[in-house]
């Protein structure tokens, strides 16, 4: 049951990331974005993924609970994409004289 609740939490967070990446792409600016926040979330997902792989109980049942780490990795990729959009938008801001 704990794995299911954790997955619900991760999926809930994960639903917002694709929308955020699209918004970042369309906006073309870093205004309203926090690099520190994105980095903290990114490293938080690294910690969550690592915690699964070093947990012997989880690894013993990974064939039954693979979906939890799958959604951690999917969110990690989405946050990574948003970080890439941040770098892209930062460069655009510099080109446009915003920074």
N, C-alpha and C. Protein backbone atom coordinates (compact mmCIF):
# COMPACT_ATOMS: atom_id res chain seq x y z
N UNK A 1 0.82 -1.20 0.00
CA UNK A 1 0.00 0.00 0.00
C UNK A 1 0.86 1.26 0.00
N UNK A 2 1.99 1.23 0.73
CA UNK A 2 2.87 2.39 0.80
C UNK A 2 3.42 2.73 -0.58
N UNK A 3 3.76 1.71 -1.37
CA UNK A 3 4.29 1.93 -2.71
C UNK A 3 3.23 2.58 -3.61
N UNK A 4 1.98 2.17 -3.46
CA UNK A 4 0.90 2.73 -4.26
C UNK A 4 0.69 4.20 -3.91
N UNK A 5 0.69 4.52 -2.62
CA UNK A 5 0.53 5.92 -2.20
C UNK A 5 1.70 6.78 -2.66
N UNK A 6 2.89 6.22 -2.58
CA UNK A 6 4.06 6.96 -3.06
C UNK A 6 3.96 7.20 -4.56
N UNK A 7 3.48 6.22 -5.29
CA UNK A 7 3.31 6.37 -6.73
C UNK A 7 2.27 7.44 -7.05
N UNK A 8 1.19 7.47 -6.29
CA UNK A 8 0.17 8.51 -6.49
C UNK A 8 0.78 9.89 -6.29
N UNK A 9 1.62 10.03 -5.26
CA UNK A 9 2.28 11.30 -5.01
C UNK A 9 3.20 11.67 -6.18
N UNK A 10 3.98 10.72 -6.65
CA UNK A 10 4.92 10.99 -7.74
C UNK A 10 4.18 11.31 -9.03
N UNK A 11 3.12 10.58 -9.31
CA UNK A 11 2.34 10.85 -10.53
C UNK A 11 1.67 12.22 -10.45
N UNK A 12 1.20 12.57 -9.26
CA UNK A 12 0.59 13.90 -9.08
C UNK A 12 1.60 15.00 -9.38
N UNK A 13 2.81 14.86 -8.85
CA UNK A 13 3.85 15.83 -9.16
C UNK A 13 4.18 15.79 -10.65
N UNK A 14 4.25 14.58 -11.18
CA UNK A 14 4.66 14.40 -12.57
C UNK A 14 3.70 14.97 -13.59
N UNK A 15 2.44 15.09 -13.25
CA UNK A 15 1.46 15.63 -14.19
C UNK A 15 1.76 17.09 -14.53
N UNK A 16 2.36 17.80 -13.61
CA UNK A 16 2.63 19.22 -13.85
C UNK A 16 3.89 19.46 -14.67
N UNK A 17 4.84 18.54 -14.66
CA UNK A 17 6.12 18.81 -15.32
C UNK A 17 6.03 18.95 -16.83
N UNK A 18 5.31 18.08 -17.54
CA UNK A 18 5.22 18.30 -19.00
C UNK A 18 4.60 19.65 -19.34
N UNK A 19 3.59 20.05 -18.58
CA UNK A 19 2.96 21.35 -18.82
C UNK A 19 3.95 22.48 -18.55
N UNK A 20 4.76 22.31 -17.52
CA UNK A 20 5.76 23.32 -17.17
C UNK A 20 6.83 23.43 -18.25
N UNK A 21 7.25 22.30 -18.81
CA UNK A 21 8.25 22.32 -19.88
C UNK A 21 7.69 23.03 -21.11
N UNK A 22 6.45 22.74 -21.46
CA UNK A 22 5.81 23.39 -22.61
C UNK A 22 5.69 24.90 -22.37
N UNK A 23 5.30 25.26 -21.16
CA UNK A 23 5.18 26.68 -20.82
C UNK A 23 6.53 27.38 -20.91
N UNK A 24 7.59 26.72 -20.43
CA UNK A 24 8.93 27.29 -20.51
C UNK A 24 9.36 27.49 -21.95
N UNK A 25 9.05 26.51 -22.79
CA UNK A 25 9.41 26.59 -24.20
C UNK A 25 8.70 27.77 -24.87
N UNK A 26 7.40 27.86 -24.64
CA UNK A 26 6.61 28.92 -25.26
C UNK A 26 6.99 30.30 -24.74
N UNK A 27 7.30 30.40 -23.45
CA UNK A 27 7.61 31.70 -22.85
C UNK A 27 8.91 32.27 -23.41
N UNK A 28 9.91 31.43 -23.61
CA UNK A 28 11.18 31.90 -24.15
C UNK A 28 11.94 32.83 -23.23
N UNK A 29 11.64 32.78 -21.94
CA UNK A 29 12.33 33.63 -20.97
C UNK A 29 12.46 32.89 -19.65
N UNK A 30 13.42 33.34 -18.85
CA UNK A 30 13.60 32.75 -17.51
C UNK A 30 12.81 33.51 -16.45
N UNK A 31 12.14 34.57 -16.86
CA UNK A 31 11.36 35.34 -15.89
C UNK A 31 10.31 34.44 -15.24
N UNK A 32 10.24 34.51 -13.92
CA UNK A 32 9.29 33.70 -13.19
C UNK A 32 9.78 32.30 -12.88
N UNK A 33 11.00 31.97 -13.31
CA UNK A 33 11.56 30.64 -13.04
C UNK A 33 12.67 30.77 -12.01
N UNK A 34 12.84 29.74 -11.22
CA UNK A 34 13.90 29.72 -10.22
C UNK A 34 14.83 28.54 -10.51
N UNK A 35 16.07 28.87 -10.87
CA UNK A 35 17.06 27.83 -11.12
C UNK A 35 17.32 27.03 -9.85
N UNK A 36 17.38 27.70 -8.72
CA UNK A 36 17.63 27.01 -7.45
C UNK A 36 16.51 26.00 -7.16
N UNK A 37 15.27 26.38 -7.40
CA UNK A 37 14.14 25.48 -7.18
C UNK A 37 14.24 24.26 -8.08
N UNK A 38 14.51 24.49 -9.38
CA UNK A 38 14.63 23.37 -10.31
C UNK A 38 15.76 22.43 -9.90
N UNK A 39 16.89 22.99 -9.48
CA UNK A 39 18.02 22.15 -9.06
C UNK A 39 17.69 21.35 -7.81
N UNK A 40 17.00 21.97 -6.86
CA UNK A 40 16.60 21.23 -5.65
C UNK A 40 15.66 20.07 -5.98
N UNK A 41 14.70 20.30 -6.85
CA UNK A 41 13.79 19.24 -7.26
C UNK A 41 14.55 18.15 -8.00
N UNK A 42 15.44 18.54 -8.89
CA UNK A 42 16.25 17.60 -9.67
C UNK A 42 17.05 16.69 -8.74
N UNK A 43 17.73 17.29 -7.78
CA UNK A 43 18.53 16.49 -6.86
C UNK A 43 17.65 15.69 -5.90
N UNK A 44 16.47 16.18 -5.61
CA UNK A 44 15.52 15.42 -4.80
C UNK A 44 15.11 14.14 -5.50
N UNK A 45 14.88 14.22 -6.81
CA UNK A 45 14.55 13.01 -7.56
C UNK A 45 15.73 12.05 -7.62
N UNK A 46 16.93 12.58 -7.72
CA UNK A 46 18.12 11.71 -7.66
C UNK A 46 18.14 10.96 -6.34
N UNK A 47 17.87 11.67 -5.24
CA UNK A 47 17.85 11.03 -3.92
C UNK A 47 16.75 9.97 -3.84
N UNK A 48 15.58 10.27 -4.39
CA UNK A 48 14.48 9.31 -4.36
C UNK A 48 14.79 8.06 -5.15
N UNK A 49 15.37 8.23 -6.33
CA UNK A 49 15.75 7.08 -7.17
C UNK A 49 16.82 6.26 -6.48
N UNK A 50 17.82 6.95 -5.95
CA UNK A 50 18.91 6.26 -5.24
C UNK A 50 18.38 5.49 -4.04
N UNK A 51 17.44 6.08 -3.32
CA UNK A 51 16.89 5.40 -2.13
C UNK A 51 16.22 4.09 -2.51
N UNK A 52 15.60 4.05 -3.68
CA UNK A 52 14.97 2.80 -4.13
C UNK A 52 16.03 1.74 -4.45
N UNK A 53 17.08 2.15 -5.14
CA UNK A 53 18.09 1.19 -5.57
C UNK A 53 18.97 0.68 -4.43
N UNK A 54 19.08 1.43 -3.34
CA UNK A 54 19.89 0.94 -2.21
C UNK A 54 19.04 0.28 -1.13
N UNK A 55 17.73 0.23 -1.34
CA UNK A 55 16.82 -0.41 -0.38
C UNK A 55 16.69 -1.89 -0.73
N UNK A 56 17.27 -2.78 0.09
CA UNK A 56 17.23 -4.20 -0.23
C UNK A 56 15.81 -4.78 -0.33
N UNK A 57 14.91 -4.29 0.50
CA UNK A 57 13.52 -4.77 0.45
C UNK A 57 12.86 -4.39 -0.87
N UNK A 58 13.09 -3.15 -1.30
CA UNK A 58 12.51 -2.72 -2.57
C UNK A 58 13.11 -3.52 -3.72
N UNK A 59 14.42 -3.67 -3.71
CA UNK A 59 15.08 -4.38 -4.81
C UNK A 59 14.67 -5.85 -4.85
N UNK A 60 14.37 -6.43 -3.70
CA UNK A 60 13.93 -7.83 -3.66
C UNK A 60 12.57 -7.99 -4.34
N UNK A 61 11.77 -6.92 -4.34
CA UNK A 61 10.43 -6.97 -4.93
C UNK A 61 10.29 -6.04 -6.13
N UNK A 62 11.39 -5.71 -6.78
CA UNK A 62 11.33 -4.72 -7.86
C UNK A 62 10.44 -5.19 -9.01
N UNK A 63 10.34 -6.49 -9.21
CA UNK A 63 9.49 -6.98 -10.31
C UNK A 63 8.02 -6.67 -10.03
N UNK A 64 7.66 -6.50 -8.77
CA UNK A 64 6.28 -6.16 -8.40
C UNK A 64 6.07 -4.65 -8.27
N UNK A 65 7.13 -3.93 -7.92
CA UNK A 65 7.02 -2.49 -7.62
C UNK A 65 7.84 -1.62 -8.57
N UNK A 66 8.12 -2.10 -9.76
CA UNK A 66 8.95 -1.37 -10.71
C UNK A 66 8.37 -0.01 -11.06
N UNK A 67 7.05 0.12 -11.01
CA UNK A 67 6.38 1.33 -11.43
C UNK A 67 6.76 2.54 -10.57
N UNK A 68 7.14 2.31 -9.32
CA UNK A 68 7.50 3.44 -8.45
C UNK A 68 8.77 4.12 -8.98
N UNK A 69 9.80 3.34 -9.21
CA UNK A 69 11.06 3.92 -9.70
C UNK A 69 10.88 4.42 -11.14
N UNK A 70 10.01 3.80 -11.91
CA UNK A 70 9.72 4.27 -13.26
C UNK A 70 9.22 5.72 -13.23
N UNK A 71 8.27 6.00 -12.33
CA UNK A 71 7.72 7.36 -12.26
C UNK A 71 8.73 8.35 -11.67
N UNK A 72 9.60 7.88 -10.76
CA UNK A 72 10.68 8.75 -10.29
C UNK A 72 11.56 9.15 -11.47
N UNK A 73 11.93 8.17 -12.29
CA UNK A 73 12.82 8.44 -13.42
C UNK A 73 12.12 9.32 -14.45
N UNK A 74 10.86 9.08 -14.70
CA UNK A 74 10.11 9.91 -15.65
C UNK A 74 10.07 11.37 -15.18
N UNK A 75 9.80 11.59 -13.90
CA UNK A 75 9.80 12.95 -13.36
C UNK A 75 11.18 13.57 -13.43
N UNK A 76 12.20 12.79 -13.15
CA UNK A 76 13.58 13.24 -13.22
C UNK A 76 13.89 13.74 -14.64
N UNK A 77 13.45 13.00 -15.64
CA UNK A 77 13.66 13.39 -17.04
C UNK A 77 12.91 14.70 -17.34
N UNK A 78 11.70 14.81 -16.85
CA UNK A 78 10.90 16.03 -17.09
C UNK A 78 11.56 17.26 -16.44
N UNK A 79 12.04 17.09 -15.22
CA UNK A 79 12.72 18.22 -14.55
C UNK A 79 14.00 18.55 -15.30
N UNK A 80 14.70 17.51 -15.78
CA UNK A 80 15.89 17.74 -16.59
C UNK A 80 15.56 18.52 -17.86
N UNK A 81 14.44 18.18 -18.49
CA UNK A 81 14.01 18.92 -19.69
C UNK A 81 13.71 20.37 -19.34
N UNK A 82 13.11 20.60 -18.18
CA UNK A 82 12.83 21.98 -17.76
C UNK A 82 14.13 22.73 -17.49
N UNK A 83 15.13 22.04 -16.96
CA UNK A 83 16.44 22.67 -16.77
C UNK A 83 17.06 23.04 -18.12
N UNK A 84 16.92 22.17 -19.10
CA UNK A 84 17.42 22.47 -20.45
C UNK A 84 16.69 23.70 -21.00
N UNK A 85 15.38 23.77 -20.79
CA UNK A 85 14.60 24.93 -21.24
C UNK A 85 15.07 26.19 -20.52
N UNK A 86 15.43 26.07 -19.24
CA UNK A 86 15.93 27.22 -18.49
C UNK A 86 17.21 27.75 -19.15
N UNK A 87 18.14 26.83 -19.47
CA UNK A 87 19.40 27.24 -20.10
C UNK A 87 19.12 27.89 -21.46
N UNK A 88 18.25 27.27 -22.23
CA UNK A 88 17.86 27.83 -23.54
C UNK A 88 17.29 29.23 -23.37
N UNK A 89 16.37 29.37 -22.44
CA UNK A 89 15.71 30.66 -22.24
C UNK A 89 16.67 31.70 -21.68
N UNK A 90 17.62 31.27 -20.87
CA UNK A 90 18.63 32.18 -20.35
C UNK A 90 19.44 32.77 -21.50
N UNK A 91 19.82 31.90 -22.44
CA UNK A 91 20.57 32.37 -23.61
C UNK A 91 19.72 33.33 -24.45
N UNK A 92 18.44 33.01 -24.59
CA UNK A 92 17.54 33.91 -25.33
C UNK A 92 17.41 35.26 -24.62
N UNK A 93 17.31 35.21 -23.31
CA UNK A 93 17.24 36.47 -22.54
C UNK A 93 18.49 37.31 -22.75
N UNK A 94 19.66 36.67 -22.77
CA UNK A 94 20.90 37.41 -22.99
C UNK A 94 20.94 38.01 -24.40
N UNK A 95 20.49 37.23 -25.39
CA UNK A 95 20.47 37.73 -26.76
C UNK A 95 19.52 38.91 -26.93
N UNK A 96 18.42 38.87 -26.20
CA UNK A 96 17.41 39.91 -26.31
C UNK A 96 17.67 41.09 -25.37
N UNK A 97 18.77 41.04 -24.63
CA UNK A 97 19.13 42.13 -23.74
C UNK A 97 18.28 42.21 -22.48
N UNK A 98 17.62 41.14 -22.14
CA UNK A 98 16.79 41.12 -20.93
C UNK A 98 17.67 40.99 -19.69
N UNK A 99 18.79 40.32 -19.82
CA UNK A 99 19.69 40.14 -18.67
C UNK A 99 20.86 41.10 -18.73
